Amino acid sequence: MADAIVPTPVPLRTRVYIDGYNLYYGCLKGTPYKWLDLMALFEQQILPSSAPDSSVLLPLSIKYFTAKIKEQAAKALDSVSSQARYHTALRKRYHARIELIEGYYSLTQSKARLVDNAVPAKWARDCAQTLVWKLEEKQSDVNLALQAYHDAITGAVDQVVIVTNDTDIAPALKMIRTYSAVKIGLVVPTRPGLREPNDDLLKLAHWTRTHITDRELASAQLPRVVVGGKKPTIKPESWYARPDLIEQALMRAAAVVGSRGKAFNWLETPNRYFDNLAPIDLLDAEAGAARVMAYIADHERNSQDGT
């Protein structure tokens, strides 16, 4: 009797829904990985290593939920422009494969209770009040919940991959489980060992990825220059690990090669002198920067000598 032919499973049509606020504060804040290539991270790293079933990303692969930073509450002078550059870079590179869905930030004055330094255990109701600025992100979690639920019940997807650790999404996931056969993947946007997955979300997911590693983030970075439109979009220099070291190297290299653009090209080109690493890869620490500066100094001397 001939062996039965086992049909090849059909890949699950998959879409990723990213809570940008959770991703930033869980994985990216204070790191040099903010120029993140979302498509590369999920298509090449997260899904192949996590999803138990075969999956294929839909033409509209990622819905990214975010909000524009308010200048009045920005932590750095270039925060607003840097975020705008990043959003532009994503749109240029991936066009219709990534959709950015924007909520907004609300900045209001609000009363808050002060912790009593003399008696830290004093109940909040007995502590003095003060007026503070209250910054809240609005609509992003609601938008994510509605979009994921809509796509599930209309048959647009076979699998939703939710990137958040926010329990506000739990009711939507419960409804997806109740009213559809769509699989739910949960990716907790945190680095290893920093946060535990929320129990309410764990119970509703068919599979869970508990963290994202620095190695995965580092290997999924957009090109420094993203072309398209009237002019290219360039990674903000403040988004490097050590902007101060980058600036020092750029100034000195530009004096040798003729321009900042040429200097950046040199910094990004693998060099045998640095064991085939690009010089820019060494500029995230003092020791590596010293090697790069010494190399530039040699060329400065050669240039002055006319050799």
Protein backbone atom coordinates (compact mmCIF):
# COMPACT_ATOMS: atom_id res chain seq x y z
CA MET A 1 0.00 0.00 0.00
CA ALA A 2 1.43 3.35 -1.03
CA ASP A 3 2.35 5.79 1.68
CA ALA A 4 -0.21 8.51 2.20
CA ILE A 5 0.80 11.87 0.80
CA VAL A 6 0.99 14.44 3.55
CA PRO A 7 -0.13 17.81 2.21
CA THR A 8 2.29 20.68 2.63
CA PRO A 9 0.87 23.11 5.18
CA VAL A 10 -0.21 26.42 3.72
CA PRO A 11 1.75 29.32 5.28
CA LEU A 12 -0.31 31.52 7.57
CA ARG A 13 -0.98 34.96 6.10
CA THR A 14 0.58 37.14 8.76
CA ARG A 15 0.58 40.79 9.75
CA VAL A 16 2.57 42.43 12.56
CA TYR A 17 1.04 45.11 14.82
CA ILE A 18 3.65 47.15 16.70
CA ASP A 19 3.02 49.34 19.74
CA GLY A 20 5.71 51.92 18.98
CA TYR A 21 5.65 53.39 22.51
CA ASN A 22 6.18 49.96 24.10
CA LEU A 23 8.90 49.07 21.60
CA TYR A 24 10.80 52.30 22.20
CA TYR A 25 10.74 52.19 25.99
CA GLY A 26 11.20 48.43 26.17
CA CYS A 27 14.03 47.97 23.67
CA LEU A 28 15.35 51.17 22.12
CA LYS A 29 15.61 54.03 24.61
CA GLY A 30 19.23 54.72 25.51
CA THR A 31 20.58 52.37 22.82
CA PRO A 32 22.21 52.98 19.42
CA TYR A 33 19.52 50.83 17.74
CA LYS A 34 16.75 53.41 17.24
CA TRP A 35 17.30 53.52 13.44
CA LEU A 36 15.52 50.16 13.42
CA ASP A 37 14.54 48.32 10.26
CA LEU A 38 11.20 46.90 11.40
CA MET A 39 10.78 44.71 8.32
CA ALA A 40 14.21 43.12 8.66
CA LEU A 41 13.70 42.55 12.39
CA PHE A 42 10.44 40.64 12.02
CA GLU A 43 10.83 39.05 8.59
CA GLN A 44 14.40 37.84 9.09
CA GLN A 45 14.76 37.51 12.88
CA ILE A 46 11.61 37.27 14.99
CA LEU A 47 9.19 35.25 12.86
CA PRO A 48 11.64 32.58 11.61
CA SER A 49 12.88 31.93 15.15
CA SER A 50 9.58 32.15 17.03
CA ALA A 51 6.41 31.34 15.08
CA PRO A 52 5.71 27.58 15.34
CA ASP A 53 3.74 27.45 12.08
CA SER A 54 4.92 28.37 8.61
CA SER A 55 4.00 31.97 7.92
CA VAL A 56 4.25 34.54 5.17
CA LEU A 57 3.98 38.28 5.65
CA LEU A 58 1.18 39.92 3.70
CA PRO A 59 1.94 42.70 1.18
CA LEU A 60 0.92 45.12 3.94
CA SER A 61 3.21 43.43 6.43
CA ILE A 62 3.43 45.78 9.40
CA LYS A 63 1.10 48.26 11.05
CA TYR A 64 3.18 50.54 13.25
CA PHE A 65 1.30 52.56 15.87
CA THR A 66 3.03 55.71 17.01
CA ALA A 67 2.52 59.36 17.92
CA LYS A 68 4.48 62.47 17.02
CA ILE A 69 6.59 63.82 19.88
CA LYS A 70 5.38 67.15 21.27
CA GLU A 71 8.14 69.75 21.08
CA GLN A 72 7.10 71.19 24.45
CA ALA A 73 7.92 67.88 26.15
CA ALA A 74 10.80 66.66 23.98
CA LYS A 75 13.89 65.50 25.88
CA ALA A 76 16.36 66.76 23.27
CA LEU A 77 16.40 69.63 20.79
CA ASP A 78 16.43 67.21 17.86
CA SER A 79 13.87 64.70 19.21
CA VAL A 80 11.04 65.91 16.96
CA SER A 81 13.14 66.10 13.79
CA SER A 82 14.87 62.78 14.49
CA GLN A 83 11.56 60.95 14.91
CA ALA A 84 10.25 62.57 11.72
CA ARG A 85 13.35 61.41 9.85
CA TYR A 86 12.84 57.87 11.08
CA HIS A 87 9.20 57.78 10.01
CA THR A 88 10.15 59.18 6.60
CA ALA A 89 12.89 56.56 6.21
CA LEU A 90 10.46 53.72 6.94
CA ARG A 91 7.96 55.04 4.40
CA LYS A 92 10.61 55.55 1.73
CA ARG A 93 12.21 52.15 2.14
CA TYR A 94 9.08 50.04 2.40
CA HIS A 95 6.27 52.12 0.86
CA ALA A 96 3.04 50.12 1.24
CA ARG A 97 4.61 47.26 3.20
CA ILE A 98 4.61 49.33 6.40
CA GLU A 99 1.69 51.53 7.43
CA LEU A 100 2.26 54.15 10.12
CA ILE A 101 -0.92 54.80 12.11
CA GLU A 102 -0.65 57.85 14.33
CA GLY A 103 -2.28 58.68 17.63
CA TYR A 104 -1.23 61.80 19.50
CA TYR A 105 0.29 63.02 22.75
CA SER A 106 -1.75 64.99 25.26
CA LEU A 107 0.17 67.42 27.48
CA THR A 108 -1.85 68.90 30.32
CA GLN A 109 -1.32 70.34 33.77
CA SER A 110 -2.45 68.03 36.54
CA LYS A 111 -2.26 67.75 40.30
CA ALA A 112 -0.10 64.99 41.78
CA ARG A 113 0.80 63.85 45.28
CA LEU A 114 4.38 64.34 46.49
CA VAL A 115 6.15 61.51 48.31
CA ASP A 116 7.03 62.68 51.82
CA ASN A 117 10.82 62.29 52.04
CA ALA A 118 10.67 62.30 55.83
CA VAL A 119 7.98 59.59 55.92
CA PRO A 120 8.09 57.70 52.58
CA ALA A 121 5.44 55.22 53.74
CA LYS A 122 2.87 57.97 54.37
CA TRP A 123 -0.34 57.31 52.46
CA ALA A 124 -0.77 59.28 49.25
CA ARG A 125 -4.00 60.88 50.49
CA ASP A 126 -2.08 62.48 53.37
CA CYS A 127 0.72 63.91 51.21
CA ALA A 128 0.92 67.42 49.80
CA GLN A 129 -0.20 68.13 46.26
CA THR A 130 1.69 69.92 43.51
CA LEU A 131 1.00 70.91 39.92
CA VAL A 132 2.82 68.83 37.27
CA TRP A 133 2.86 68.36 33.52
CA LYS A 134 1.14 65.13 32.51
CA LEU A 135 2.13 63.63 29.15
CA GLU A 136 -0.06 60.82 27.81
CA GLU A 137 -0.11 58.96 24.52
CA LYS A 138 -3.63 58.80 23.15
CA GLN A 139 -5.33 56.41 20.71
CA SER A 140 -2.33 54.21 19.82
CA ASP A 141 -3.42 51.23 21.93
CA VAL A 142 -7.05 51.66 20.81
CA ASN A 143 -5.99 51.88 17.17
CA LEU A 144 -3.88 48.73 17.50
CA ALA A 145 -6.73 46.80 19.12
CA LEU A 146 -9.28 47.87 16.51
CA GLN A 147 -6.99 47.22 13.54
CA ALA A 148 -6.00 43.74 14.73
CA TYR A 149 -9.60 42.77 15.54
CA HIS A 150 -10.90 44.14 12.23
CA ASP A 151 -8.29 42.27 10.21
CA ALA A 152 -9.03 39.04 12.09
CA ILE A 153 -12.81 38.99 11.78
CA THR A 154 -12.83 40.13 8.13
CA GLY A 155 -10.56 37.26 7.09
CA ALA A 156 -7.71 39.54 6.03
CA VAL A 157 -5.18 37.52 8.04
CA ASP A 158 -4.56 34.01 9.37
CA GLN A 159 -2.18 35.21 12.07
CA VAL A 160 -1.70 38.45 13.97
CA VAL A 161 1.62 39.15 15.69
CA ILE A 162 1.14 41.67 18.48
CA VAL A 163 4.20 43.57 19.70
CA THR A 164 3.37 44.97 23.13
CA ASN A 165 3.24 44.13 26.82
CA ASP A 166 0.31 46.44 27.51
CA THR A 167 -2.73 44.76 29.07
CA ASP A 168 -5.05 47.26 27.37
CA ILE A 169 -4.87 45.02 24.30
CA ALA A 170 -6.17 41.95 26.19
CA PRO A 171 -9.91 42.47 25.48
CA ALA A 172 -9.23 42.68 21.74
CA LEU A 173 -7.16 39.49 21.82
CA LYS A 174 -9.93 37.73 23.73
CA MET A 175 -12.44 38.74 21.05
CA ILE A 176 -10.11 37.52 18.30
CA ARG A 177 -9.88 34.14 20.07
CA THR A 178 -13.67 34.03 20.52
CA TYR A 179 -14.87 35.12 17.09
CA SER A 180 -12.18 33.88 14.71
CA ALA A 181 -9.72 31.06 14.10
CA VAL A 182 -6.85 33.52 13.68
CA LYS A 183 -3.62 32.61 15.46
CA ILE A 184 -2.17 35.15 17.89
CA GLY A 185 1.56 35.61 18.33
CA LEU A 186 2.84 37.82 21.15
CA VAL A 187 6.24 39.52 21.03
CA VAL A 188 7.16 41.26 24.29
CA PRO A 189 9.28 44.31 23.39
CA THR A 190 11.88 44.08 26.09
CA ARG A 191 15.51 43.07 26.34
CA PRO A 192 16.40 39.77 28.04
CA GLY A 193 15.67 39.65 31.75
CA LEU A 194 14.21 43.15 32.10
CA ARG A 195 10.45 42.52 32.08
CA GLU A 196 8.21 39.48 32.39
CA PRO A 197 5.42 38.94 29.84
CA ASN A 198 2.05 40.02 31.14
CA ASP A 199 0.04 37.00 32.32
CA ASP A 200 -3.22 38.24 30.77
CA LEU A 201 -1.56 38.43 27.35
CA LEU A 202 0.26 35.12 27.73
CA LYS A 203 -3.02 33.28 28.28
CA LEU A 204 -4.50 34.67 25.07
CA ALA A 205 -1.52 34.10 22.75
CA HIS A 206 -0.93 30.90 20.79
CA TRP A 207 2.81 31.54 21.00
CA THR A 208 5.03 34.08 22.73
CA ARG A 209 8.46 35.59 22.15
CA THR A 210 9.55 36.89 25.58
CA HIS A 211 12.29 39.33 24.49
CA ILE A 212 14.31 40.85 21.67
CA THR A 213 18.10 40.69 21.90
CA ASP A 214 20.64 43.45 21.26
CA ARG A 215 22.18 41.26 18.57
CA GLU A 216 18.86 41.11 16.72
CA LEU A 217 18.38 44.86 17.01
CA ALA A 218 21.94 45.55 15.84
CA SER A 219 21.57 43.30 12.80
CA ALA A 220 18.30 44.98 11.76
CA GLN A 221 19.31 48.59 11.16
CA LEU A 222 18.30 50.78 8.24
CA PRO A 223 21.05 52.08 5.95
CA ARG A 224 22.50 55.36 7.19
CA VAL A 225 21.19 57.03 4.03
CA VAL A 226 17.72 56.06 2.76
CA VAL A 227 17.17 57.34 -0.76
CA GLY A 228 13.89 58.46 -2.30
CA GLY A 229 11.93 61.64 -2.84
CA LYS A 230 13.60 64.97 -3.48
CA LYS A 231 16.47 64.30 -1.09
CA PRO A 232 17.83 61.37 0.92
CA THR A 233 16.88 60.78 4.55
CA ILE A 234 19.91 60.45 6.83
CA LYS A 235 20.21 58.80 10.22
CA PRO A 236 20.46 61.44 12.98
CA GLU A 237 23.98 61.67 14.36
CA SER A 238 22.55 61.79 17.90
CA TRP A 239 21.22 58.25 17.38
CA TYR A 240 24.69 56.72 17.34
CA ALA A 241 26.11 55.18 20.52
CA ARG A 242 28.69 57.97 20.94
CA PRO A 243 27.77 61.02 18.85
CA ASP A 244 30.72 62.88 20.37
CA LEU A 245 33.22 60.34 19.02
CA ILE A 246 31.47 60.25 15.64
CA GLU A 247 31.75 64.04 15.39
CA GLN A 248 35.45 64.05 16.30
CA ALA A 249 36.22 61.40 13.69
CA LEU A 250 34.12 63.16 11.04
CA MET A 251 35.82 66.52 11.55
CA ARG A 252 39.32 65.08 11.32
CA ALA A 253 38.57 62.66 8.47
CA ALA A 254 36.78 65.36 6.47
CA ALA A 255 39.92 67.52 6.63
CA VAL A 256 41.83 64.65 5.01
CA VAL A 257 39.34 63.39 2.40
CA GLY A 258 37.68 66.71 1.57
CA SER A 259 34.08 66.59 2.88
CA ARG A 260 31.82 65.17 5.58
CA GLY A 261 30.07 63.00 2.99
CA LYS A 262 33.34 61.40 1.92
CA ALA A 263 34.35 61.07 5.56
CA PHE A 264 31.13 59.20 6.36
CA ASN A 265 31.68 56.91 3.38
CA TRP A 266 35.16 56.11 4.69
CA LEU A 267 33.82 55.47 8.20
CA GLU A 268 31.27 53.00 6.84
CA THR A 269 33.67 51.04 4.61
CA PRO A 270 35.28 47.85 6.04
CA ASN A 271 39.00 48.39 6.48
CA ARG A 272 41.73 45.74 6.66
CA TYR A 273 43.58 47.86 9.20
CA PHE A 274 40.64 47.33 11.58
CA ASP A 275 40.32 43.59 10.95
CA ASN A 276 37.80 44.25 8.17
CA LEU A 277 35.50 46.19 10.48
CA ALA A 278 34.16 49.55 9.36
CA PRO A 279 35.77 52.35 11.40
CA ILE A 280 32.33 53.54 12.50
CA ASP A 281 31.83 50.20 14.29
CA LEU A 282 34.72 51.12 16.59
CA LEU A 283 33.35 54.52 17.51
CA ASP A 284 31.00 53.29 20.22
CA ALA A 285 33.77 53.18 22.86
CA GLU A 286 36.92 55.10 23.77
CA ALA A 287 39.34 52.24 23.00
CA GLY A 288 38.04 51.72 19.47
CA ALA A 289 37.89 55.45 18.87
CA ALA A 290 41.55 55.76 19.83
CA ARG A 291 42.45 53.29 17.06
CA VAL A 292 40.42 55.23 14.51
CA MET A 293 41.92 58.58 15.58
CA ALA A 294 45.44 57.15 15.40
CA TYR A 295 44.76 55.93 11.86
CA ILE A 296 43.42 59.35 10.84
CA ALA A 297 46.43 61.02 12.47
CA ASP A 298 48.77 58.94 10.29
CA HIS A 299 46.93 60.13 7.20
CA GLU A 300 47.00 63.72 8.45
CA ARG A 301 50.79 63.51 8.76
CA ASN A 302 51.10 61.91 5.32
CA SER A 303 48.90 64.65 3.87
CA GLN A 304 51.05 67.36 5.44
CA ASP A 305 54.20 65.66 4.14
CA GLY A 306 52.70 65.48 0.67
CA THR A 307 52.83 61.68 0.57
